[in-house]
Amino acid sequence: MADNKLEETMYFKVSKEEELNPRDVLLTVYDALEEKGYNSINQLVGYFISGDPAYITSHKQARSLIRRVERDDLIEELLVSYLKGRNNK
């Protein structure tokens, strides 16, 4: 007698990672770097140039958080924010 369960299609629900807002990620990572006493701007620039997550502290899971967003999306957020800010001056 064959086991009918082997012939059934199995369905697995894989939860999609929530989409992170690049602005929120940058602010969170910046705050975590500041709390640890790092020069936040230098650390972020080092990360953007090299892609090396070691520039980002693991404090408050900042390193794993920033790695979940593409670097180009983070840079785009910085440019958009900066250039929009210039129009207000």
PDB file of N, CA and C in Angstrom:
ATOM      1  N   MET A   1       0.840  -1.182   0.000  1.00  0.00           N
ATOM      2  CA  MET A   1       0.000   0.000   0.000  1.00  0.00           C
ATOM      3  C   MET A   1       0.886   1.248   0.000  1.00  0.00           C
ATOM      4  N   ALA A   2       0.774   2.063  -1.020  1.00  0.00           N
ATOM      5  CA  ALA A   2       1.612   3.259  -1.166  1.00  0.00           C
ATOM      6  C   ALA A   2       1.092   4.380  -0.270  1.00  0.00           C
ATOM      7  N   ASP A   3       2.031   5.171   0.218  1.00  0.00           N
ATOM      8  CA  ASP A   3       1.668   6.307   1.058  1.00  0.00           C
ATOM      9  C   ASP A   3       1.236   7.447   0.144  1.00  0.00           C
ATOM     10  N   ASN A   4      -0.025   7.842   0.197  1.00  0.00           N
ATOM     11  CA  ASN A   4      -0.571   8.886  -0.674  1.00  0.00           C
ATOM     12  C   ASN A   4       0.047  10.254  -0.405  1.00  0.00           C
ATOM     13  N   LYS A   5       0.586  10.464   0.798  1.00  0.00           N
ATOM     14  CA  LYS A   5       1.168  11.762   1.117  1.00  0.00           C
ATOM     15  C   LYS A   5       2.388  12.058   0.263  1.00  0.00           C
ATOM     16  N   LEU A   6       3.063  11.023  -0.212  1.00  0.00           N
ATOM     17  CA  LEU A   6       4.231  11.237  -1.062  1.00  0.00           C
ATOM     18  C   LEU A   6       3.845  11.770  -2.429  1.00  0.00           C
ATOM     19  N   GLU A   7       2.609  11.575  -2.816  1.00  0.00           N
ATOM     20  CA  GLU A   7       2.148  12.015  -4.118  1.00  0.00           C
ATOM     21  C   GLU A   7       1.487  13.391  -4.081  1.00  0.00           C
ATOM     22  N   GLU A   8       1.273  13.923  -2.883  1.00  0.00           N
ATOM     23  CA  GLU A   8       0.640  15.228  -2.751  1.00  0.00           C
ATOM     24  C   GLU A   8       1.667  16.345  -2.951  1.00  0.00           C
ATOM     25  N   THR A   9       1.198  17.427  -3.523  1.00  0.00           N
ATOM     26  CA  THR A   9       2.053  18.600  -3.679  1.00  0.00           C
ATOM     27  C   THR A   9       2.149  19.319  -2.342  1.00  0.00           C
ATOM     28  N   MET A  10       3.385  19.615  -1.961  1.00  0.00           N
ATOM     29  CA  MET A  10       3.603  20.320  -0.701  1.00  0.00           C
ATOM     30  C   MET A  10       3.778  21.800  -0.996  1.00  0.00           C
ATOM     31  N   TYR A  11       3.184  22.633  -0.181  1.00  0.00           N
ATOM     32  CA  TYR A  11       3.305  24.079  -0.317  1.00  0.00           C
ATOM     33  C   TYR A  11       4.034  24.632   0.897  1.00  0.00           C
ATOM     34  N   PHE A  12       4.968  25.500   0.637  1.00  0.00           N
ATOM     35  CA  PHE A  12       5.713  26.142   1.708  1.00  0.00           C
ATOM     36  C   PHE A  12       5.515  27.638   1.582  1.00  0.00           C
ATOM     37  N   LYS A  13       5.193  28.254   2.683  1.00  0.00           N
ATOM     38  CA  LYS A  13       5.071  29.712   2.691  1.00  0.00           C
ATOM     39  C   LYS A  13       6.415  30.287   3.102  1.00  0.00           C
ATOM     40  N   VAL A  14       6.976  31.093   2.230  1.00  0.00           N
ATOM     41  CA  VAL A  14       8.222  31.767   2.530  1.00  0.00           C
ATOM     42  C   VAL A  14       7.884  33.243   2.677  1.00  0.00           C
ATOM     43  N   SER A  15       8.082  33.746   3.864  1.00  0.00           N
ATOM     44  CA  SER A  15       7.742  35.151   4.080  1.00  0.00           C
ATOM     45  C   SER A  15       8.775  36.032   3.390  1.00  0.00           C
ATOM     46  N   LYS A  16       8.277  37.001   2.693  1.00  0.00           N
ATOM     47  CA  LYS A  16       9.142  37.954   2.021  1.00  0.00           C
ATOM     48  C   LYS A  16       9.698  38.909   3.053  1.00  0.00           C
ATOM     49  N   GLU A  17      10.992  39.220   2.927  1.00  0.00           N
ATOM     50  CA  GLU A  17      11.562  40.202   3.844  1.00  0.00           C
ATOM     51  C   GLU A  17      10.870  41.528   3.599  1.00  0.00           C
ATOM     52  N   GLU A  18      10.559  42.186   4.691  1.00  0.00           N
ATOM     53  CA  GLU A  18       9.928  43.483   4.541  1.00  0.00           C
ATOM     54  C   GLU A  18      10.869  44.430   3.814  1.00  0.00           C
ATOM     55  N   GLU A  19      10.285  45.248   2.978  1.00  0.00           N
ATOM     56  CA  GLU A  19      11.101  46.206   2.240  1.00  0.00           C
ATOM     57  C   GLU A  19      11.482  47.340   3.177  1.00  0.00           C
ATOM     58  N   LEU A  20      12.751  47.615   3.230  1.00  0.00           N
ATOM     59  CA  LEU A  20      13.251  48.629   4.141  1.00  0.00           C
ATOM     60  C   LEU A  20      13.377  49.968   3.434  1.00  0.00           C
ATOM     61  N   ASN A  21      13.066  51.004   4.150  1.00  0.00           N
ATOM     62  CA  ASN A  21      13.194  52.353   3.634  1.00  0.00           C
ATOM     63  C   ASN A  21      14.656  52.783   3.794  1.00  0.00           C
ATOM     64  N   PRO A  22      15.342  53.105   2.689  1.00  0.00           N
ATOM     65  CA  PRO A  22      16.750  53.488   2.770  1.00  0.00           C
ATOM     66  C   PRO A  22      17.005  54.651   3.728  1.00  0.00           C
ATOM     67  N   ARG A  23      16.108  55.605   3.777  1.00  0.00           N
ATOM     68  CA  ARG A  23      16.269  56.754   4.681  1.00  0.00           C
ATOM     69  C   ARG A  23      16.281  56.288   6.129  1.00  0.00           C
ATOM     70  N   ASP A  24      15.335  55.439   6.489  1.00  0.00           N
ATOM     71  CA  ASP A  24      15.257  54.933   7.859  1.00  0.00           C
ATOM     72  C   ASP A  24      16.502  54.127   8.226  1.00  0.00           C
ATOM     73  N   VAL A  25      16.992  53.347   7.269  1.00  0.00           N
ATOM     74  CA  VAL A  25      18.193  52.543   7.510  1.00  0.00           C
ATOM     75  C   VAL A  25      19.386  53.455   7.750  1.00  0.00           C
ATOM     76  N   LEU A  26      19.547  54.470   6.910  1.00  0.00           N
ATOM     77  CA  LEU A  26      20.670  55.399   7.081  1.00  0.00           C
ATOM     78  C   LEU A  26      20.618  56.093   8.439  1.00  0.00           C
ATOM     79  N   LEU A  27      19.441  56.539   8.835  1.00  0.00           N
ATOM     80  CA  LEU A  27      19.314  57.238  10.118  1.00  0.00           C
ATOM     81  C   LEU A  27      19.592  56.302  11.290  1.00  0.00           C
ATOM     82  N   THR A  28      19.114  55.077  11.199  1.00  0.00           N
ATOM     83  CA  THR A  28      19.342  54.097  12.261  1.00  0.00           C
ATOM     84  C   THR A  28      20.822  53.765  12.386  1.00  0.00           C
ATOM     85  N   VAL A  29      21.468  53.533  11.245  1.00  0.00           N
ATOM     86  CA  VAL A  29      22.897  53.200  11.243  1.00  0.00           C
ATOM     87  C   VAL A  29      23.715  54.390  11.743  1.00  0.00           C
ATOM     88  N   TYR A  30      23.365  55.578  11.293  1.00  0.00           N
ATOM     89  CA  TYR A  30      24.051  56.790  11.743  1.00  0.00           C
ATOM     90  C   TYR A  30      23.969  56.913  13.265  1.00  0.00           C
ATOM     91  N   ASP A  31      22.772  56.736  13.812  1.00  0.00           N
ATOM     92  CA  ASP A  31      22.585  56.841  15.261  1.00  0.00           C
ATOM     93  C   ASP A  31      23.398  55.787  16.010  1.00  0.00           C
ATOM     94  N   ALA A  32      23.438  54.574  15.488  1.00  0.00           N
ATOM     95  CA  ALA A  32      24.196  53.504  16.136  1.00  0.00           C
ATOM     96  C   ALA A  32      25.691  53.821  16.129  1.00  0.00           C
ATOM     97  N   LEU A  33      26.195  54.348  15.025  1.00  0.00           N
ATOM     98  CA  LEU A  33      27.610  54.732  14.947  1.00  0.00           C
ATOM     99  C   LEU A  33      27.920  55.862  15.927  1.00  0.00           C
ATOM    100  N   GLU A  34      27.034  56.839  16.012  1.00  0.00           N
ATOM    101  CA  GLU A  34      27.223  57.949  16.937  1.00  0.00           C
ATOM    102  C   GLU A  34      27.242  57.453  18.385  1.00  0.00           C
ATOM    103  N   GLU A  35      26.313  56.571  18.721  1.00  0.00           N
ATOM    104  CA  GLU A  35      26.244  56.034  20.084  1.00  0.00           C
ATOM    105  C   GLU A  35      27.526  55.322  20.488  1.00  0.00           C
ATOM    106  N   LYS A  36      28.182  54.693  19.536  1.00  0.00           N
ATOM    107  CA  LYS A  36      29.426  53.979  19.821  1.00  0.00           C
ATOM    108  C   LYS A  36      30.647  54.893  19.755  1.00  0.00           C
ATOM    109  N   GLY A  37      30.443  56.164  19.417  1.00  0.00           N
ATOM    110  CA  GLY A  37      31.541  57.126  19.425  1.00  0.00           C
ATOM    111  C   GLY A  37      32.352  57.180  18.142  1.00  0.00           C
ATOM    112  N   TYR A  38      31.837  56.603  17.078  1.00  0.00           N
ATOM    113  CA  TYR A  38      32.552  56.641  15.796  1.00  0.00           C
ATOM    114  C   TYR A  38      32.270  57.947  15.065  1.00  0.00           C
ATOM    115  N   ASN A  39      33.142  58.295  14.113  1.00  0.00           N
ATOM    116  CA  ASN A  39      32.869  59.381  13.186  1.00  0.00           C
ATOM    117  C   ASN A  39      31.938  58.791  12.126  1.00  0.00           C
ATOM    118  N   SER A  40      30.660  59.036  12.304  1.00  0.00           N
ATOM    119  CA  SER A  40      29.627  58.376  11.493  1.00  0.00           C
ATOM    120  C   SER A  40      29.788  58.625  10.000  1.00  0.00           C
ATOM    121  N   ILE A  41      30.096  59.853   9.643  1.00  0.00           N
ATOM    122  CA  ILE A  41      30.234  60.183   8.218  1.00  0.00           C
ATOM    123  C   ILE A  41      31.399  59.408   7.608  1.00  0.00           C
ATOM    124  N   ASN A  42      32.548  59.411   8.280  1.00  0.00           N
ATOM    125  CA  ASN A  42      33.705  58.675   7.751  1.00  0.00           C
ATOM    126  C   ASN A  42      33.411  57.189   7.637  1.00  0.00           C
ATOM    127  N   GLN A  43      32.738  56.630   8.607  1.00  0.00           N
ATOM    128  CA  GLN A  43      32.426  55.202   8.569  1.00  0.00           C
ATOM    129  C   GLN A  43      31.479  54.877   7.419  1.00  0.00           C
ATOM    130  N   LEU A  44      30.473  55.711   7.224  1.00  0.00           N
ATOM    131  CA  LEU A  44      29.531  55.471   6.127  1.00  0.00           C
ATOM    132  C   LEU A  44      30.208  55.639   4.767  1.00  0.00           C
ATOM    133  N   VAL A  45      31.052  56.644   4.626  1.00  0.00           N
ATOM    134  CA  VAL A  45      31.781  56.837   3.366  1.00  0.00           C
ATOM    135  C   VAL A  45      32.658  55.618   3.090  1.00  0.00           C
ATOM    136  N   GLY A  46      33.352  55.139   4.109  1.00  0.00           N
ATOM    137  CA  GLY A  46      34.170  53.938   3.944  1.00  0.00           C
ATOM    138  C   GLY A  46      33.352  52.755   3.473  1.00  0.00           C
ATOM    139  N   TYR A  47      32.169  52.607   4.042  1.00  0.00           N
ATOM    140  CA  TYR A  47      31.280  51.512   3.623  1.00  0.00           C
ATOM    141  C   TYR A  47      30.830  51.698   2.171  1.00  0.00           C
ATOM    142  N   PHE A  48      30.419  52.917   1.813  1.00  0.00           N
ATOM    143  CA  PHE A  48      29.942  53.162   0.450  1.00  0.00           C
ATOM    144  C   PHE A  48      31.033  52.923  -0.584  1.00  0.00           C
ATOM    145  N   ILE A  49      32.235  53.336  -0.289  1.00  0.00           N
ATOM    146  CA  ILE A  49      33.341  53.190  -1.245  1.00  0.00           C
ATOM    147  C   ILE A  49      33.782  51.738  -1.369  1.00  0.00           C
ATOM    148  N   SER A  50      33.935  51.058  -0.242  1.00  0.00           N
ATOM    149  CA  SER A  50      34.517  49.716  -0.269  1.00  0.00           C
ATOM    150  C   SER A  50      33.490  48.584  -0.311  1.00  0.00           C
ATOM    151  N   GLY A  51      32.317  48.843   0.245  1.00  0.00           N
ATOM    152  CA  GLY A  51      31.334  47.766   0.369  1.00  0.00           C
ATOM    153  C   GLY A  51      31.618  46.857   1.547  1.00  0.00           C
ATOM    154  N   ASP A  52      32.629  47.194   2.331  1.00  0.00           N
ATOM    155  CA  ASP A  52      33.029  46.366   3.469  1.00  0.00           C
ATOM    156  C   ASP A  52      32.147  46.685   4.677  1.00  0.00           C
ATOM    157  N   PRO A  53      31.322  45.744   5.112  1.00  0.00           N
ATOM    158  CA  PRO A  53      30.422  46.007   6.234  1.00  0.00           C
ATOM    159  C   PRO A  53      31.150  46.201   7.571  1.00  0.00           C
ATOM    160  N   ALA A  54      32.448  45.927   7.614  1.00  0.00           N
ATOM    161  CA  ALA A  54      33.204  46.125   8.855  1.00  0.00           C
ATOM    162  C   ALA A  54      33.265  47.605   9.244  1.00  0.00           C
ATOM    163  N   TYR A  55      32.977  48.498   8.317  1.00  0.00           N
ATOM    164  CA  TYR A  55      32.928  49.926   8.639  1.00  0.00           C
ATOM    165  C   TYR A  55      31.726  50.270   9.521  1.00  0.00           C
ATOM    166  N   ILE A  56      30.749  49.385   9.553  1.00  0.00           N
ATOM    167  CA  ILE A  56      29.506  49.639  10.279  1.00  0.00           C
ATOM    168  C   ILE A  56      29.483  48.799  11.554  1.00  0.00           C
ATOM    169  N   THR A  57      29.164  49.440  12.657  1.00  0.00           N
ATOM    170  CA  THR A  57      29.097  48.745  13.934  1.00  0.00           C
ATOM    171  C   THR A  57      27.973  47.706  13.945  1.00  0.00           C
ATOM    172  N   SER A  58      28.133  46.692  14.746  1.00  0.00           N
ATOM    173  CA  SER A  58      27.057  45.716  14.911  1.00  0.00           C
ATOM    174  C   SER A  58      26.086  46.155  16.010  1.00  0.00           C
ATOM    175  N   HIS A  59      26.416  47.273  16.688  1.00  0.00           N
ATOM    176  CA  HIS A  59      25.544  47.833  17.725  1.00  0.00           C
ATOM    177  C   HIS A  59      24.156  48.083  17.151  1.00  0.00           C
ATOM    178  N   LYS A  60      23.149  47.630  17.862  1.00  0.00           N
ATOM    179  CA  LYS A  60      21.746  47.767  17.440  1.00  0.00           C
ATOM    180  C   LYS A  60      21.481  47.122  16.075  1.00  0.00           C
ATOM    181  N   GLN A  61      22.245  46.090  15.737  1.00  0.00           N
ATOM    182  CA  GLN A  61      22.117  45.353  14.474  1.00  0.00           C
ATOM    183  C   GLN A  61      22.279  46.243  13.240  1.00  0.00           C
ATOM    184  N   ALA A  62      23.039  47.337  13.390  1.00  0.00           N
ATOM    185  CA  ALA A  62      23.214  48.279  12.282  1.00  0.00           C
ATOM    186  C   ALA A  62      23.879  47.619  11.075  1.00  0.00           C
ATOM    187  N   ARG A  63      24.860  46.756  11.323  1.00  0.00           N
ATOM    188  CA  ARG A  63      25.577  46.113  10.215  1.00  0.00           C
ATOM    189  C   ARG A  63      24.643  45.212   9.410  1.00  0.00           C
ATOM    190  N   SER A  64      23.876  44.401  10.088  1.00  0.00           N
ATOM    191  CA  SER A  64      22.975  43.503   9.347  1.00  0.00           C
ATOM    192  C   SER A  64      21.864  44.302   8.672  1.00  0.00           C
ATOM    193  N   LEU A  65      21.451  45.391   9.289  1.00  0.00           N
ATOM    194  CA  LEU A  65      20.407  46.228   8.707  1.00  0.00           C
ATOM    195  C   LEU A  65      20.880  46.873   7.406  1.00  0.00           C
ATOM    196  N   ILE A  66      22.075  47.465   7.424  1.00  0.00           N
ATOM    197  CA  ILE A  66      22.552  48.167   6.230  1.00  0.00           C
ATOM    198  C   ILE A  66      22.831  47.191   5.084  1.00  0.00           C
ATOM    199  N   ARG A  67      23.158  45.957   5.416  1.00  0.00           N
ATOM    200  CA  ARG A  67      23.439  44.970   4.368  1.00  0.00           C
ATOM    201  C   ARG A  67      22.169  44.496   3.671  1.00  0.00           C
ATOM    202  N   ARG A  68      21.023  44.783   4.249  1.00  0.00           N
ATOM    203  CA  ARG A  68      19.747  44.374   3.648  1.00  0.00           C
ATOM    204  C   ARG A  68      19.248  45.353   2.597  1.00  0.00           C
ATOM    205  N   VAL A  69      19.972  46.472   2.437  1.00  0.00           N
ATOM    206  CA  VAL A  69      19.597  47.476   1.432  1.00  0.00           C
ATOM    207  C   VAL A  69      20.776  47.630   0.478  1.00  0.00           C
ATOM    208  N   GLU A  70      20.489  47.690  -0.802  1.00  0.00           N
ATOM    209  CA  GLU A  70      21.541  47.860  -1.809  1.00  0.00           C
ATOM    210  C   GLU A  70      22.242  49.201  -1.593  1.00  0.00           C
ATOM    211  N   ARG A  71      23.567  49.181  -1.741  1.00  0.00           N
ATOM    212  CA  ARG A  71      24.333  50.416  -1.553  1.00  0.00           C
ATOM    213  C   ARG A  71      23.885  51.510  -2.504  1.00  0.00           C
ATOM    214  N   ASP A  72      23.566  51.155  -3.742  1.00  0.00           N
ATOM    215  CA  ASP A  72      23.149  52.195  -4.687  1.00  0.00           C
ATOM    216  C   ASP A  72      21.835  52.839  -4.259  1.00  0.00           C
ATOM    217  N   ASP A  73      20.951  52.089  -3.598  1.00  0.00           N
ATOM    218  CA  ASP A  73      19.707  52.671  -3.089  1.00  0.00           C
ATOM    219  C   ASP A  73      19.991  53.645  -1.945  1.00  0.00           C
ATOM    220  N   LEU A  74      20.962  53.306  -1.110  1.00  0.00           N
ATOM    221  CA  LEU A  74      21.345  54.199  -0.015  1.00  0.00           C
ATOM    222  C   LEU A  74      21.965  55.486  -0.548  1.00  0.00           C
ATOM    223  N   ILE A  75      22.837  55.354  -1.538  1.00  0.00           N
ATOM    224  CA  ILE A  75      23.479  56.528  -2.133  1.00  0.00           C
ATOM    225  C   ILE A  75      22.447  57.399  -2.847  1.00  0.00           C
ATOM    226  N   GLU A  76      21.516  56.753  -3.531  1.00  0.00           N
ATOM    227  CA  GLU A  76      20.448  57.499  -4.204  1.00  0.00           C
ATOM    228  C   GLU A  76      19.645  58.307  -3.180  1.00  0.00           C
ATOM    229  N   GLU A  77      19.340  57.697  -2.058  1.00  0.00           N
ATOM    230  CA  GLU A  77      18.599  58.401  -1.001  1.00  0.00           C
ATOM    231  C   GLU A  77      19.371  59.624  -0.514  1.00  0.00           C
ATOM    232  N   LEU A  78      20.681  59.468  -0.328  1.00  0.00           N
ATOM    233  CA  LEU A  78      21.509  60.587   0.106  1.00  0.00           C
ATOM    234  C   LEU A  78      21.492  61.730  -0.914  1.00  0.00           C
ATOM    235  N   LEU A  79      21.644  61.386  -2.178  1.00  0.00           N
ATOM    236  CA  LEU A  79      21.665  62.414  -3.225  1.00  0.00           C
ATOM    237  C   LEU A  79      20.334  63.125  -3.351  1.00  0.00           C
ATOM    238  N   VAL A  80      19.261  62.363  -3.343  1.00  0.00           N
ATOM    239  CA  VAL A  80      17.929  62.971  -3.455  1.00  0.00           C
ATOM    240  C   VAL A  80      17.687  63.912  -2.281  1.00  0.00           C
ATOM    241  N   SER A  81      18.014  63.454  -1.089  1.00  0.00           N
ATOM    242  CA  SER A  81      17.816  64.272   0.111  1.00  0.00           C
ATOM    243  C   SER A  81      18.674  65.544   0.049  1.00  0.00           C
ATOM    244  N   TYR A  82      19.911  65.381  -0.332  1.00  0.00           N
ATOM    245  CA  TYR A  82      20.825  66.527  -0.411  1.00  0.00           C
ATOM    246  C   TYR A  82      20.350  67.538  -1.449  1.00  0.00           C
ATOM    247  N   LEU A  83      20.023  67.055  -2.631  1.00  0.00           N
ATOM    248  CA  LEU A  83      19.641  67.962  -3.711  1.00  0.00           C
ATOM    249  C   LEU A  83      18.287  68.628  -3.445  1.00  0.00           C
ATOM    250  N   LYS A  84      17.372  67.931  -2.823  1.00  0.00           N
ATOM    251  CA  LYS A  84      16.105  68.559  -2.449  1.00  0.00           C
ATOM    252  C   LYS A  84      16.334  69.632  -1.406  1.00  0.00           C
ATOM    253  N   GLY A  85      17.264  69.387  -0.491  1.00  0.00           N
ATOM    254  CA  GLY A  85      17.599  70.364   0.540  1.00  0.00           C
ATOM    255  C   GLY A  85      18.208  71.631  -0.034  1.00  0.00           C
ATOM    256  N   ARG A  86      18.933  71.494  -1.123  1.00  0.00           N
ATOM    257  CA  ARG A  86      19.561  72.665  -1.776  1.00  0.00           C
ATOM    258  C   ARG A  86      18.496  73.601  -2.338  1.00  0.00           C
ATOM    259  N   ASN A  87      17.398  73.034  -2.805  1.00  0.00           N
ATOM    260  CA  ASN A  87      16.335  73.869  -3.389  1.00  0.00           C
ATOM    261  C   ASN A  87      15.638  74.708  -2.340  1.00  0.00           C
ATOM    262  N   ASN A  88      15.740  74.332  -1.082  1.00  0.00           N
ATOM    263  CA  ASN A  88      15.066  75.063  -0.009  1.00  0.00           C
ATOM    264  C   ASN A  88      15.900  76.211   0.536  1.00  0.00           C
ATOM    265  N   LYS A  89      17.118  76.373   0.047  1.00  0.00           N
ATOM    266  CA  LYS A  89      17.993  77.437   0.567  1.00  0.00           C
ATOM    267  C   LYS A  89      17.860  78.696  -0.238  1.00  0.00           C
TER     268      LYS A  89
END
